[in-house]
């Protein structure tokens, strides 16, 4: 298996509904030939919504509902943020974009900007992009042979002090990006038992388990 295929397998292992795997597969397919083609990704997200997307999260759905009414994407993203009273820091960008960590031809230094740009296609709150950026960089380091704990320390050291504070929170089973990432890293550190525990922890919601599934799958390389 390629690194991207392993990541997709890990997402599938933890995905109890189907949305994270479907969207990550879409990102992998869309960026396979040109990982910098965000116009293609923009169109792919619209096509996914238009064909009946599911389990993509309320923010993704609402943005595209506004676009279906003729609103430009940037305006739809802002309007969604307003409608949701500033709560657009969910985990969908992490779920869909972490597959990019397996694209070996992408320089590590490009991952941060790319993850934030992707998140901005749907999520106005920059925290969503921050979480996606941290995860994709962490997974790239993990793929390169670093221990999970060392990879996490290295990536968090690259953040500003204000960005680091975002992750100083306890575990939680909501869809808030920082909670999802903190929970996933803790549960993934428990070894193979971490995946069933994460599914039990998350309940019916598809939040941290897809990320836990990826980390456990990559540990077996």
N, C-alpha and C. Protein backbone atom coordinates (compact mmCIF):
# COMPACT_ATOMS: atom_id res chain seq x y z
N UNK A 1 0.83 -1.20 0.00
CA UNK A 1 0.00 0.00 0.00
C UNK A 1 0.87 1.25 0.00
N UNK A 2 0.41 2.28 -0.68
CA UNK A 2 1.07 3.58 -0.61
C UNK A 2 0.67 4.24 0.71
N UNK A 3 1.37 5.32 1.05
CA UNK A 3 1.04 6.04 2.28
C UNK A 3 -0.39 6.58 2.24
N UNK A 4 -0.80 7.10 1.09
CA UNK A 4 -2.18 7.60 0.97
C UNK A 4 -3.19 6.48 1.17
N UNK A 5 -2.91 5.33 0.62
CA UNK A 5 -3.82 4.19 0.76
C UNK A 5 -3.90 3.74 2.21
N UNK A 6 -2.77 3.76 2.91
CA UNK A 6 -2.77 3.40 4.33
C UNK A 6 -3.59 4.38 5.15
N UNK A 7 -3.46 5.66 4.84
CA UNK A 7 -4.24 6.67 5.55
C UNK A 7 -5.73 6.47 5.29
N UNK A 8 -6.08 6.22 4.05
CA UNK A 8 -7.48 5.97 3.73
C UNK A 8 -8.00 4.72 4.43
N UNK A 9 -7.16 3.70 4.52
CA UNK A 9 -7.56 2.49 5.22
C UNK A 9 -7.79 2.79 6.70
N UNK A 10 -6.90 3.58 7.28
CA UNK A 10 -7.05 3.94 8.68
C UNK A 10 -8.30 4.75 8.94
N UNK A 11 -8.61 5.67 8.03
CA UNK A 11 -9.84 6.45 8.15
C UNK A 11 -11.04 5.51 8.11
N UNK A 12 -11.02 4.58 7.17
CA UNK A 12 -12.11 3.62 7.04
C UNK A 12 -12.28 2.78 8.30
N UNK A 13 -11.16 2.41 8.92
CA UNK A 13 -11.21 1.59 10.13
C UNK A 13 -11.95 2.31 11.26
N UNK A 14 -11.80 3.62 11.32
CA UNK A 14 -12.43 4.36 12.41
C UNK A 14 -13.73 5.04 12.02
N UNK A 15 -14.06 5.02 10.75
CA UNK A 15 -15.22 5.74 10.23
C UNK A 15 -16.47 4.87 10.35
N UNK A 16 -17.33 5.21 11.29
CA UNK A 16 -18.52 4.40 11.53
C UNK A 16 -19.72 4.84 10.70
N UNK A 17 -19.57 5.93 9.96
CA UNK A 17 -20.69 6.45 9.17
C UNK A 17 -20.38 6.47 7.68
N UNK A 18 -19.20 6.97 7.31
CA UNK A 18 -18.80 6.96 5.91
C UNK A 18 -18.34 8.27 5.33
N UNK A 19 -18.72 9.37 5.98
CA UNK A 19 -18.36 10.68 5.44
C UNK A 19 -16.88 10.98 5.39
N UNK A 20 -16.14 10.77 6.47
CA UNK A 20 -14.70 11.06 6.44
C UNK A 20 -13.96 10.28 5.35
N UNK A 21 -14.27 9.01 5.20
CA UNK A 21 -13.61 8.21 4.16
C UNK A 21 -13.97 8.72 2.78
N UNK A 22 -15.23 9.05 2.57
CA UNK A 22 -15.68 9.53 1.26
C UNK A 22 -14.99 10.84 0.90
N UNK A 23 -14.92 11.75 1.86
CA UNK A 23 -14.32 13.06 1.56
C UNK A 23 -12.81 12.97 1.41
N UNK A 24 -12.15 12.15 2.24
CA UNK A 24 -10.71 11.99 2.11
C UNK A 24 -10.36 11.33 0.78
N UNK A 25 -11.18 10.39 0.35
CA UNK A 25 -10.98 9.75 -0.95
C UNK A 25 -11.13 10.77 -2.07
N UNK A 26 -12.09 11.67 -1.91
CA UNK A 26 -12.31 12.72 -2.90
C UNK A 26 -11.10 13.63 -3.00
N UNK A 27 -10.54 14.01 -1.86
CA UNK A 27 -9.35 14.87 -1.85
C UNK A 27 -8.17 14.15 -2.51
N UNK A 28 -7.99 12.88 -2.17
CA UNK A 28 -6.88 12.11 -2.75
C UNK A 28 -7.00 12.02 -4.26
N UNK A 29 -8.20 11.77 -4.74
CA UNK A 29 -8.42 11.64 -6.19
C UNK A 29 -8.25 12.99 -6.89
N UNK A 30 -8.75 14.04 -6.28
CA UNK A 30 -8.73 15.37 -6.91
C UNK A 30 -7.32 15.93 -7.00
N UNK A 31 -6.52 15.69 -5.97
CA UNK A 31 -5.18 16.27 -5.93
C UNK A 31 -4.09 15.31 -6.41
N UNK A 32 -4.49 14.14 -6.89
CA UNK A 32 -3.50 13.12 -7.29
C UNK A 32 -2.53 13.63 -8.35
N UNK A 33 -3.03 14.34 -9.34
CA UNK A 33 -2.17 14.80 -10.43
C UNK A 33 -1.51 16.15 -10.15
N UNK A 34 -2.22 17.01 -9.41
CA UNK A 34 -1.68 18.32 -9.07
C UNK A 34 -2.15 18.68 -7.67
N UNK A 35 -1.34 18.43 -6.65
CA UNK A 35 -1.75 18.68 -5.27
C UNK A 35 -1.96 20.16 -4.93
N UNK A 36 -1.59 21.05 -5.85
CA UNK A 36 -1.78 22.47 -5.60
C UNK A 36 -3.03 23.03 -6.31
N UNK A 37 -3.81 22.17 -6.92
CA UNK A 37 -4.96 22.62 -7.71
C UNK A 37 -6.18 22.80 -6.82
N UNK A 38 -6.25 23.93 -6.15
CA UNK A 38 -7.37 24.17 -5.24
C UNK A 38 -8.64 24.57 -5.99
N UNK A 39 -8.51 25.01 -7.23
CA UNK A 39 -9.71 25.25 -8.03
C UNK A 39 -10.44 23.93 -8.27
N UNK A 40 -9.67 22.88 -8.54
CA UNK A 40 -10.26 21.56 -8.74
C UNK A 40 -10.90 21.06 -7.45
N UNK A 41 -10.27 21.35 -6.32
CA UNK A 41 -10.80 20.92 -5.04
C UNK A 41 -12.09 21.67 -4.73
N UNK A 42 -12.10 22.95 -5.01
CA UNK A 42 -13.31 23.77 -4.86
C UNK A 42 -14.46 23.13 -5.64
N UNK A 43 -14.21 22.79 -6.88
CA UNK A 43 -15.25 22.19 -7.73
C UNK A 43 -15.65 20.81 -7.22
N UNK A 44 -14.67 20.05 -6.76
CA UNK A 44 -14.95 18.70 -6.26
C UNK A 44 -15.87 18.75 -5.05
N UNK A 45 -15.66 19.71 -4.17
CA UNK A 45 -16.52 19.84 -3.00
C UNK A 45 -17.94 20.20 -3.42
N UNK A 46 -18.06 21.10 -4.38
CA UNK A 46 -19.39 21.44 -4.87
C UNK A 46 -20.07 20.23 -5.50
N UNK A 47 -19.35 19.51 -6.33
CA UNK A 47 -19.91 18.33 -6.98
C UNK A 47 -20.34 17.28 -5.96
N UNK A 48 -19.53 17.13 -4.91
CA UNK A 48 -19.86 16.16 -3.86
C UNK A 48 -21.17 16.55 -3.18
N UNK A 49 -21.31 17.82 -2.86
CA UNK A 49 -22.55 18.30 -2.25
C UNK A 49 -23.72 18.11 -3.22
N UNK A 50 -23.51 18.49 -4.45
CA UNK A 50 -24.58 18.47 -5.46
C UNK A 50 -25.05 17.05 -5.76
N UNK A 51 -24.18 16.07 -5.53
CA UNK A 51 -24.55 14.68 -5.80
C UNK A 51 -25.14 13.98 -4.58
N UNK A 52 -25.31 14.73 -3.48
CA UNK A 52 -25.94 14.17 -2.30
C UNK A 52 -24.97 13.79 -1.21
N UNK A 53 -24.13 14.72 -0.78
CA UNK A 53 -23.12 14.44 0.25
C UNK A 53 -23.79 14.00 1.54
N UNK A 54 -23.05 13.24 2.36
CA UNK A 54 -23.58 12.81 3.64
C UNK A 54 -22.46 12.81 4.67
N UNK A 55 -22.82 13.02 5.92
CA UNK A 55 -21.85 12.99 7.02
C UNK A 55 -20.65 13.89 6.75
N UNK A 56 -20.91 15.05 6.17
CA UNK A 56 -19.83 15.99 5.88
C UNK A 56 -19.81 17.13 6.88
N UNK A 57 -20.73 17.12 7.81
CA UNK A 57 -20.75 18.14 8.85
C UNK A 57 -21.65 19.32 8.50
N UNK A 58 -22.21 19.96 9.50
CA UNK A 58 -23.15 21.07 9.26
C UNK A 58 -22.53 22.27 8.57
N UNK A 59 -21.26 22.55 8.84
CA UNK A 59 -20.63 23.71 8.22
C UNK A 59 -20.48 23.51 6.72
N UNK A 60 -19.95 22.36 6.32
CA UNK A 60 -19.81 22.04 4.89
C UNK A 60 -21.16 22.12 4.20
N UNK A 61 -22.17 21.54 4.81
CA UNK A 61 -23.50 21.51 4.19
C UNK A 61 -24.08 22.90 4.04
N UNK A 62 -23.99 23.71 5.08
CA UNK A 62 -24.60 25.04 5.04
C UNK A 62 -23.89 25.93 4.02
N UNK A 63 -22.57 25.85 3.94
CA UNK A 63 -21.84 26.64 2.94
C UNK A 63 -22.35 26.34 1.54
N UNK A 64 -22.53 25.06 1.26
CA UNK A 64 -22.96 24.69 -0.09
C UNK A 64 -24.44 24.92 -0.34
N UNK A 65 -25.21 24.96 0.73
CA UNK A 65 -26.61 25.36 0.59
C UNK A 65 -26.68 26.81 0.13
N UNK A 66 -25.85 27.66 0.73
CA UNK A 66 -25.81 29.06 0.32
C UNK A 66 -25.29 29.19 -1.11
N UNK A 67 -24.30 28.39 -1.45
CA UNK A 67 -23.78 28.43 -2.82
C UNK A 67 -24.84 28.00 -3.82
N UNK A 68 -25.66 27.04 -3.43
CA UNK A 68 -26.73 26.58 -4.33
C UNK A 68 -27.75 27.68 -4.61
N UNK A 69 -27.79 28.67 -3.73
CA UNK A 69 -28.70 29.81 -3.91
C UNK A 69 -28.03 30.94 -4.68
N UNK A 70 -26.80 30.71 -5.15
CA UNK A 70 -26.11 31.69 -5.97
C UNK A 70 -25.03 32.48 -5.28
N UNK A 71 -24.74 32.18 -4.03
CA UNK A 71 -23.73 32.93 -3.29
C UNK A 71 -22.33 32.44 -3.66
N UNK A 72 -21.39 33.34 -3.74
CA UNK A 72 -20.00 32.96 -3.97
C UNK A 72 -19.48 32.20 -2.76
N UNK A 73 -18.48 31.32 -2.99
CA UNK A 73 -18.00 30.50 -1.88
C UNK A 73 -17.53 31.35 -0.70
N UNK A 74 -16.70 32.35 -0.96
CA UNK A 74 -16.16 33.16 0.14
C UNK A 74 -17.28 33.80 0.95
N UNK A 75 -18.30 34.28 0.27
CA UNK A 75 -19.43 34.90 0.97
C UNK A 75 -20.24 33.85 1.72
N UNK A 76 -20.37 32.67 1.13
CA UNK A 76 -21.12 31.59 1.77
C UNK A 76 -20.42 31.14 3.05
N UNK A 77 -19.09 31.11 3.02
CA UNK A 77 -18.32 30.72 4.20
C UNK A 77 -18.53 31.74 5.32
N UNK A 78 -18.51 33.02 4.99
CA UNK A 78 -18.72 34.07 5.99
C UNK A 78 -20.14 34.03 6.53
N UNK A 79 -21.10 33.84 5.65
CA UNK A 79 -22.50 33.82 6.07
C UNK A 79 -22.79 32.63 6.97
N UNK A 80 -22.18 31.50 6.67
CA UNK A 80 -22.35 30.32 7.51
C UNK A 80 -21.79 30.57 8.90
N UNK A 81 -20.65 31.22 8.97
CA UNK A 81 -20.04 31.56 10.25
C UNK A 81 -20.98 32.45 11.07
N UNK A 82 -21.64 33.36 10.38
CA UNK A 82 -22.58 34.26 11.05
C UNK A 82 -23.81 33.49 11.54
N UNK A 83 -24.35 32.65 10.68
CA UNK A 83 -25.54 31.87 11.03
C UNK A 83 -25.27 30.95 12.21
N UNK A 84 -24.07 30.37 12.24
CA UNK A 84 -23.70 29.46 13.32
C UNK A 84 -23.10 30.18 14.53
N UNK A 85 -23.23 31.51 14.54
CA UNK A 85 -22.79 32.33 15.67
C UNK A 85 -21.31 32.09 16.03
N UNK A 86 -20.49 31.97 14.99
CA UNK A 86 -19.05 31.84 15.17
C UNK A 86 -18.55 30.43 15.41
N UNK A 87 -19.44 29.47 15.37
CA UNK A 87 -19.03 28.08 15.64
C UNK A 87 -18.73 27.33 14.34
N UNK A 88 -17.59 27.63 13.75
CA UNK A 88 -17.17 26.94 12.53
C UNK A 88 -15.73 26.44 12.66
N UNK A 89 -15.47 25.81 13.79
CA UNK A 89 -14.12 25.26 14.03
C UNK A 89 -14.21 23.75 14.16
N UNK A 90 -14.98 23.13 13.29
CA UNK A 90 -15.20 21.69 13.36
C UNK A 90 -14.06 20.87 12.77
N UNK A 91 -14.27 19.55 12.78
CA UNK A 91 -13.20 18.61 12.43
C UNK A 91 -13.23 18.11 10.99
N UNK A 92 -14.22 18.52 10.20
CA UNK A 92 -14.29 18.03 8.83
C UNK A 92 -13.02 18.30 8.02
N UNK A 93 -12.40 19.49 8.13
CA UNK A 93 -11.16 19.70 7.38
C UNK A 93 -10.05 18.72 7.77
N UNK A 94 -9.95 18.37 9.05
CA UNK A 94 -8.95 17.38 9.45
C UNK A 94 -9.24 16.04 8.80
N UNK A 95 -10.48 15.62 8.88
CA UNK A 95 -10.86 14.32 8.32
C UNK A 95 -10.53 14.22 6.83
N UNK A 96 -10.88 15.24 6.09
CA UNK A 96 -10.77 15.15 4.64
C UNK A 96 -9.36 15.38 4.13
N UNK A 97 -8.56 16.19 4.86
CA UNK A 97 -7.27 16.61 4.33
C UNK A 97 -6.08 15.81 4.84
N UNK A 98 -6.25 15.00 5.88
CA UNK A 98 -5.08 14.31 6.43
C UNK A 98 -4.46 13.33 5.44
N UNK A 99 -5.22 12.92 4.43
CA UNK A 99 -4.68 12.03 3.40
C UNK A 99 -3.50 12.68 2.67
N UNK A 100 -3.47 14.01 2.63
CA UNK A 100 -2.41 14.74 1.94
C UNK A 100 -1.05 14.49 2.59
N UNK A 101 -1.04 14.09 3.85
CA UNK A 101 0.23 13.77 4.52
C UNK A 101 0.95 12.64 3.80
N UNK A 102 0.21 11.80 3.10
CA UNK A 102 0.81 10.67 2.39
C UNK A 102 1.30 10.98 1.00
N UNK A 103 1.15 12.23 0.55
CA UNK A 103 1.62 12.63 -0.77
C UNK A 103 3.09 13.01 -0.66
N UNK A 104 3.97 12.06 -0.90
CA UNK A 104 5.40 12.22 -0.63
C UNK A 104 6.06 13.34 -1.42
N UNK A 105 5.50 13.67 -2.58
CA UNK A 105 6.13 14.70 -3.41
C UNK A 105 5.87 16.11 -2.89
N UNK A 106 5.00 16.24 -1.90
CA UNK A 106 4.71 17.55 -1.33
C UNK A 106 5.73 17.87 -0.24
N UNK A 107 6.43 19.00 -0.35
CA UNK A 107 7.39 19.37 0.70
C UNK A 107 6.67 19.60 2.03
N UNK A 108 7.31 19.21 3.10
CA UNK A 108 6.74 19.40 4.44
C UNK A 108 6.35 20.85 4.67
N UNK A 109 7.20 21.77 4.22
CA UNK A 109 6.96 23.19 4.49
C UNK A 109 5.73 23.74 3.78
N UNK A 110 5.18 23.01 2.83
CA UNK A 110 3.98 23.46 2.13
C UNK A 110 2.70 22.98 2.81
N UNK A 111 2.80 22.01 3.69
CA UNK A 111 1.61 21.38 4.27
C UNK A 111 0.78 22.34 5.11
N UNK A 112 1.45 23.19 5.88
CA UNK A 112 0.75 24.13 6.75
C UNK A 112 -0.16 25.04 5.94
N UNK A 113 0.38 25.71 4.97
CA UNK A 113 -0.39 26.66 4.17
C UNK A 113 -1.50 25.95 3.40
N UNK A 114 -1.21 24.77 2.90
CA UNK A 114 -2.21 24.04 2.11
C UNK A 114 -3.39 23.61 2.97
N UNK A 115 -3.11 23.10 4.17
CA UNK A 115 -4.18 22.65 5.04
C UNK A 115 -5.09 23.80 5.46
N UNK A 116 -4.49 24.93 5.75
CA UNK A 116 -5.28 26.10 6.14
C UNK A 116 -6.11 26.62 4.97
N UNK A 117 -5.53 26.57 3.79
CA UNK A 117 -6.27 27.03 2.61
C UNK A 117 -7.46 26.12 2.33
N UNK A 118 -7.24 24.83 2.44
CA UNK A 118 -8.34 23.89 2.22
C UNK A 118 -9.46 24.12 3.23
N UNK A 119 -9.11 24.25 4.50
CA UNK A 119 -10.13 24.45 5.53
C UNK A 119 -10.94 25.71 5.25
N UNK A 120 -10.28 26.73 4.72
CA UNK A 120 -10.95 27.99 4.44
C UNK A 120 -11.99 27.91 3.33
N UNK A 121 -11.98 26.83 2.58
CA UNK A 121 -13.00 26.65 1.54
C UNK A 121 -14.38 26.42 2.15
N UNK A 122 -14.41 26.05 3.42
CA UNK A 122 -15.70 25.78 4.07
C UNK A 122 -15.81 26.37 5.48
N UNK A 123 -14.71 26.46 6.20
CA UNK A 123 -14.74 26.86 7.61
C UNK A 123 -14.08 28.23 7.80
N UNK A 124 -14.87 29.20 8.25
CA UNK A 124 -14.35 30.56 8.41
C UNK A 124 -13.42 30.69 9.61
N UNK A 125 -13.72 29.96 10.68
CA UNK A 125 -12.88 30.03 11.89
C UNK A 125 -11.51 29.44 11.57
N UNK A 126 -10.47 30.23 11.79
CA UNK A 126 -9.11 29.79 11.47
C UNK A 126 -8.67 28.60 12.32
N UNK A 127 -9.37 28.34 13.41
CA UNK A 127 -9.02 27.20 14.27
C UNK A 127 -9.17 25.89 13.51
N UNK A 128 -10.15 25.82 12.62
CA UNK A 128 -10.34 24.60 11.83
C UNK A 128 -9.11 24.35 10.96
N UNK A 129 -8.59 25.40 10.35
CA UNK A 129 -7.40 25.27 9.53
C UNK A 129 -6.16 24.96 10.35
N UNK A 130 -6.09 25.54 11.54
CA UNK A 130 -4.97 25.27 12.43
C UNK A 130 -4.93 23.78 12.79
N UNK A 131 -6.07 23.23 13.15
CA UNK A 131 -6.13 21.81 13.52
C UNK A 131 -5.75 20.91 12.35
N UNK A 132 -6.25 21.23 11.18
CA UNK A 132 -5.93 20.43 10.00
C UNK A 132 -4.44 20.51 9.69
N UNK A 133 -3.89 21.70 9.83
CA UNK A 133 -2.46 21.89 9.59
C UNK A 133 -1.61 21.09 10.57
N UNK A 134 -1.97 21.12 11.83
CA UNK A 134 -1.22 20.37 12.84
C UNK A 134 -1.28 18.88 12.54
N UNK A 135 -2.46 18.39 12.21
CA UNK A 135 -2.61 16.95 11.98
C UNK A 135 -1.85 16.49 10.75
N UNK A 136 -1.94 17.21 9.66
CA UNK A 136 -1.27 16.75 8.44
C UNK A 136 0.25 16.79 8.60
N UNK A 137 0.76 17.77 9.33
CA UNK A 137 2.20 17.82 9.59
C UNK A 137 2.63 16.71 10.55
N UNK A 138 1.81 16.47 11.56
CA UNK A 138 2.12 15.42 12.52
C UNK A 138 2.18 14.06 11.83
N UNK A 139 1.20 13.81 10.96
CA UNK A 139 1.17 12.53 10.26
C UNK A 139 2.35 12.39 9.30
N UNK A 140 2.76 13.48 8.67
CA UNK A 140 3.92 13.42 7.78
C UNK A 140 5.17 13.05 8.58
N UNK A 141 5.34 13.64 9.74
CA UNK A 141 6.49 13.32 10.58
C UNK A 141 6.41 11.87 11.06
N UNK A 142 5.22 11.43 11.40
CA UNK A 142 5.01 10.06 11.85
C UNK A 142 5.36 9.08 10.73
N UNK A 143 4.96 9.43 9.52
CA UNK A 143 5.29 8.60 8.36
C UNK A 143 6.79 8.54 8.10
N UNK A 144 7.48 9.60 8.47
CA UNK A 144 8.93 9.65 8.23
C UNK A 144 9.72 8.86 9.27
N UNK A 145 9.02 8.32 10.27
CA UNK A 145 9.69 7.48 11.25
C UNK A 145 9.77 8.02 12.66
N UNK A 146 9.28 9.23 12.88
CA UNK A 146 9.29 9.78 14.23
C UNK A 146 8.22 9.09 15.10
N UNK A 147 8.48 9.00 16.39
CA UNK A 147 7.48 8.49 17.31
C UNK A 147 6.32 9.50 17.37
N UNK A 148 5.13 9.00 17.66
CA UNK A 148 3.96 9.86 17.70
C UNK A 148 4.17 11.02 18.68
N UNK A 149 4.67 10.73 19.86
CA UNK A 149 4.87 11.77 20.86
C UNK A 149 5.90 12.79 20.40
N UNK A 150 6.96 12.32 19.76
CA UNK A 150 8.00 13.23 19.26
C UNK A 150 7.46 14.09 18.12
N UNK A 151 6.66 13.48 17.25
CA UNK A 151 6.08 14.22 16.13
C UNK A 151 5.15 15.31 16.65
N UNK A 152 4.37 15.00 17.66
CA UNK A 152 3.45 15.98 18.24
C UNK A 152 4.23 17.14 18.87
N UNK A 153 5.27 16.83 19.61
CA UNK A 153 6.08 17.87 20.24
C UNK A 153 6.70 18.78 19.17
N UNK A 154 7.20 18.17 18.10
CA UNK A 154 7.86 18.94 17.05
C UNK A 154 6.88 19.89 16.36
N UNK A 155 5.69 19.38 16.04
CA UNK A 155 4.71 20.22 15.35
C UNK A 155 4.20 21.34 16.25
N UNK A 156 3.89 21.00 17.50
CA UNK A 156 3.39 22.04 18.40
C UNK A 156 4.44 23.10 18.66
N UNK A 157 5.72 22.74 18.59
CA UNK A 157 6.78 23.72 18.78
C UNK A 157 6.86 24.70 17.61
N UNK A 158 6.28 24.31 16.48
CA UNK A 158 6.26 25.19 15.30
C UNK A 158 5.14 26.22 15.36
N UNK A 159 4.24 26.07 16.33
CA UNK A 159 3.11 26.98 16.45
C UNK A 159 3.48 28.22 17.26
N UNK A 160 2.72 29.27 17.07
CA UNK A 160 2.89 30.45 17.91
C UNK A 160 2.36 30.13 19.31
N UNK A 161 2.69 30.96 20.28
CA UNK A 161 2.23 30.72 21.65
C UNK A 161 0.71 30.75 21.74
N UNK A 162 0.08 31.64 20.98
CA UNK A 162 -1.38 31.72 20.98
C UNK A 162 -2.01 30.48 20.35
N UNK A 163 -1.37 29.96 19.32
CA UNK A 163 -1.88 28.75 18.69
C UNK A 163 -1.74 27.55 19.62
N UNK A 164 -0.64 27.50 20.35
CA UNK A 164 -0.44 26.40 21.29
C UNK A 164 -1.52 26.38 22.36
N UNK A 165 -1.95 27.56 22.79
CA UNK A 165 -2.96 27.65 23.85
C UNK A 165 -4.29 27.04 23.43
N UNK A 166 -4.57 27.03 22.13
CA UNK A 166 -5.82 26.48 21.63
C UNK A 166 -5.98 25.02 22.03
N UNK A 167 -4.85 24.33 22.15
CA UNK A 167 -4.88 22.89 22.44
C UNK A 167 -4.72 22.56 23.92
N UNK A 168 -4.71 23.57 24.75
CA UNK A 168 -4.63 23.35 26.20
C UNK A 168 -6.03 23.13 26.76
N UNK A 169 -6.66 22.07 26.31
CA UNK A 169 -8.03 21.76 26.70
C UNK A 169 -8.13 20.27 27.00
N UNK A 170 -9.13 19.88 27.78
CA UNK A 170 -9.30 18.45 28.07
C UNK A 170 -9.92 17.72 26.88
N UNK A 171 -9.88 16.41 26.93
CA UNK A 171 -10.53 15.60 25.91
C UNK A 171 -12.03 15.89 25.89
N UNK A 172 -12.64 15.68 24.75
CA UNK A 172 -14.08 15.90 24.64
C UNK A 172 -14.62 15.17 23.43
N UNK A 173 -15.90 14.82 23.47
CA UNK A 173 -16.49 14.07 22.37
C UNK A 173 -17.38 14.91 21.48
N UNK A 174 -17.16 16.23 21.50
CA UNK A 174 -17.86 17.11 20.56
C UNK A 174 -17.08 17.15 19.24
N UNK A 175 -17.59 17.92 18.29
CA UNK A 175 -16.92 18.02 17.00
C UNK A 175 -15.97 19.19 16.89
N UNK A 176 -15.73 19.90 18.00
CA UNK A 176 -14.81 21.04 18.00
C UNK A 176 -13.40 20.56 17.70
N UNK A 177 -12.79 21.13 16.67
CA UNK A 177 -11.51 20.64 16.17
C UNK A 177 -10.44 20.36 17.21
N UNK A 178 -10.10 21.33 18.06
CA UNK A 178 -9.05 21.07 19.05
C UNK A 178 -9.38 19.91 19.99
N UNK A 179 -10.64 19.79 20.41
CA UNK A 179 -11.05 18.68 21.26
C UNK A 179 -10.87 17.35 20.54
N UNK A 180 -11.25 17.33 19.27
CA UNK A 180 -11.14 16.11 18.48
C UNK A 180 -9.69 15.68 18.37
N UNK A 181 -8.80 16.63 18.09
CA UNK A 181 -7.39 16.29 17.91
C UNK A 181 -6.75 15.85 19.23
N UNK A 182 -7.00 16.58 20.30
CA UNK A 182 -6.46 16.22 21.62
C UNK A 182 -6.94 14.82 22.02
N UNK A 183 -8.22 14.56 21.80
CA UNK A 183 -8.78 13.26 22.16
C UNK A 183 -8.18 12.15 21.31
N UNK A 184 -8.04 12.40 20.02
CA UNK A 184 -7.50 11.39 19.11
C UNK A 184 -6.06 11.02 19.48
N UNK A 185 -5.25 12.02 19.80
CA UNK A 185 -3.86 11.75 20.14
C UNK A 185 -3.76 10.96 21.44
N UNK A 186 -4.60 11.28 22.39
CA UNK A 186 -4.58 10.55 23.66
C UNK A 186 -5.00 9.09 23.44
N UNK A 187 -6.08 8.88 22.73
CA UNK A 187 -6.59 7.53 22.51
C UNK A 187 -5.68 6.70 21.62
N UNK A 188 -5.09 7.35 20.61
CA UNK A 188 -4.17 6.63 19.72
C UNK A 188 -2.93 6.17 20.48
N UNK A 189 -2.58 6.88 21.53
CA UNK A 189 -1.43 6.50 22.33
C UNK A 189 -1.65 5.26 23.17
N UNK A 190 -2.88 4.76 23.15
CA UNK A 190 -3.21 3.57 23.92
C UNK A 190 -3.05 2.28 23.11
N UNK A 191 -2.48 2.40 21.91
CA UNK A 191 -2.27 1.22 21.08
C UNK A 191 -3.53 0.78 20.37
N UNK A 192 -3.58 -0.48 19.96
CA UNK A 192 -4.71 -0.97 19.17
C UNK A 192 -6.03 -0.86 19.91
N UNK A 193 -5.99 -0.93 21.23
CA UNK A 193 -7.23 -0.80 22.00
C UNK A 193 -7.79 0.61 21.92
N UNK A 194 -6.97 1.55 21.45
CA UNK A 194 -7.42 2.93 21.37
C UNK A 194 -8.53 3.14 20.37
N UNK A 195 -8.57 2.33 19.31
CA UNK A 195 -9.61 2.52 18.30
C UNK A 195 -10.99 2.17 18.83
N UNK A 196 -11.19 0.97 19.37
CA UNK A 196 -12.53 0.69 19.94
C UNK A 196 -12.90 1.63 21.07
N UNK A 197 -11.90 2.04 21.84
CA UNK A 197 -12.18 2.98 22.92
C UNK A 197 -12.61 4.33 22.36
N UNK A 198 -11.99 4.74 21.25
CA UNK A 198 -12.35 6.03 20.65
C UNK A 198 -13.77 6.00 20.10
N UNK A 199 -14.16 4.86 19.54
CA UNK A 199 -15.52 4.73 19.00
C UNK A 199 -16.53 4.76 20.14
N UNK A 200 -16.20 4.11 21.23
CA UNK A 200 -17.07 4.15 22.41
C UNK A 200 -17.12 5.57 22.97
N UNK A 201 -15.97 6.24 22.99
CA UNK A 201 -15.88 7.60 23.53
C UNK A 201 -16.69 8.59 22.69
N UNK A 202 -16.58 8.46 21.37
CA UNK A 202 -17.25 9.41 20.48
C UNK A 202 -18.74 9.14 20.37
N UNK A 203 -19.18 7.93 20.72
CA UNK A 203 -20.59 7.60 20.59
C UNK A 203 -21.01 7.55 19.14
N UNK A 204 -22.20 8.02 18.84
CA UNK A 204 -22.70 7.93 17.47
C UNK A 204 -22.07 8.95 16.52
N UNK A 205 -21.27 9.84 17.06
CA UNK A 205 -20.69 10.91 16.24
C UNK A 205 -19.32 10.53 15.70
N UNK A 206 -19.07 10.88 14.47
CA UNK A 206 -17.86 10.48 13.75
C UNK A 206 -16.76 11.51 13.92
N UNK A 207 -16.24 11.68 15.13
CA UNK A 207 -15.28 12.74 15.37
C UNK A 207 -13.84 12.23 15.46
N UNK A 208 -13.39 11.78 16.60
CA UNK A 208 -11.98 11.39 16.73
C UNK A 208 -11.64 10.00 16.17
N UNK A 209 -12.56 9.02 16.06
CA UNK A 209 -12.15 7.68 15.61
C UNK A 209 -11.45 7.60 14.26
N UNK A 210 -11.85 8.35 13.22
CA UNK A 210 -11.11 8.25 11.96
C UNK A 210 -9.64 8.64 12.08
N UNK A 211 -9.34 9.61 12.95
CA UNK A 211 -7.96 10.03 13.16
C UNK A 211 -7.19 8.95 13.93
N UNK A 212 -7.83 8.39 14.94
CA UNK A 212 -7.20 7.30 15.70
C UNK A 212 -6.92 6.13 14.79
N UNK A 213 -7.86 5.82 13.90
CA UNK A 213 -7.67 4.72 12.96
C UNK A 213 -6.46 4.92 12.07
N UNK A 214 -6.23 6.15 11.63
CA UNK A 214 -5.08 6.45 10.78
C UNK A 214 -3.77 6.24 11.54
N UNK A 215 -3.69 6.78 12.73
CA UNK A 215 -2.45 6.67 13.51
C UNK A 215 -2.11 5.21 13.79
N UNK A 216 -3.12 4.43 14.15
CA UNK A 216 -2.87 3.01 14.42
C UNK A 216 -2.47 2.26 13.16
N UNK A 217 -3.09 2.61 12.03
CA UNK A 217 -2.73 1.96 10.76
C UNK A 217 -1.28 2.28 10.39
N UNK A 218 -0.86 3.51 10.60
CA UNK A 218 0.50 3.91 10.25
C UNK A 218 1.54 3.33 11.19
N UNK A 219 1.13 2.99 12.40
CA UNK A 219 2.07 2.37 13.34
C UNK A 219 2.55 1.00 12.86
N UNK A 220 1.76 0.40 11.97
CA UNK A 220 2.08 -0.95 11.51
C UNK A 220 3.02 -0.98 10.31
N UNK A 221 3.43 0.19 9.84
CA UNK A 221 4.35 0.25 8.70
C UNK A 221 5.70 -0.32 9.10
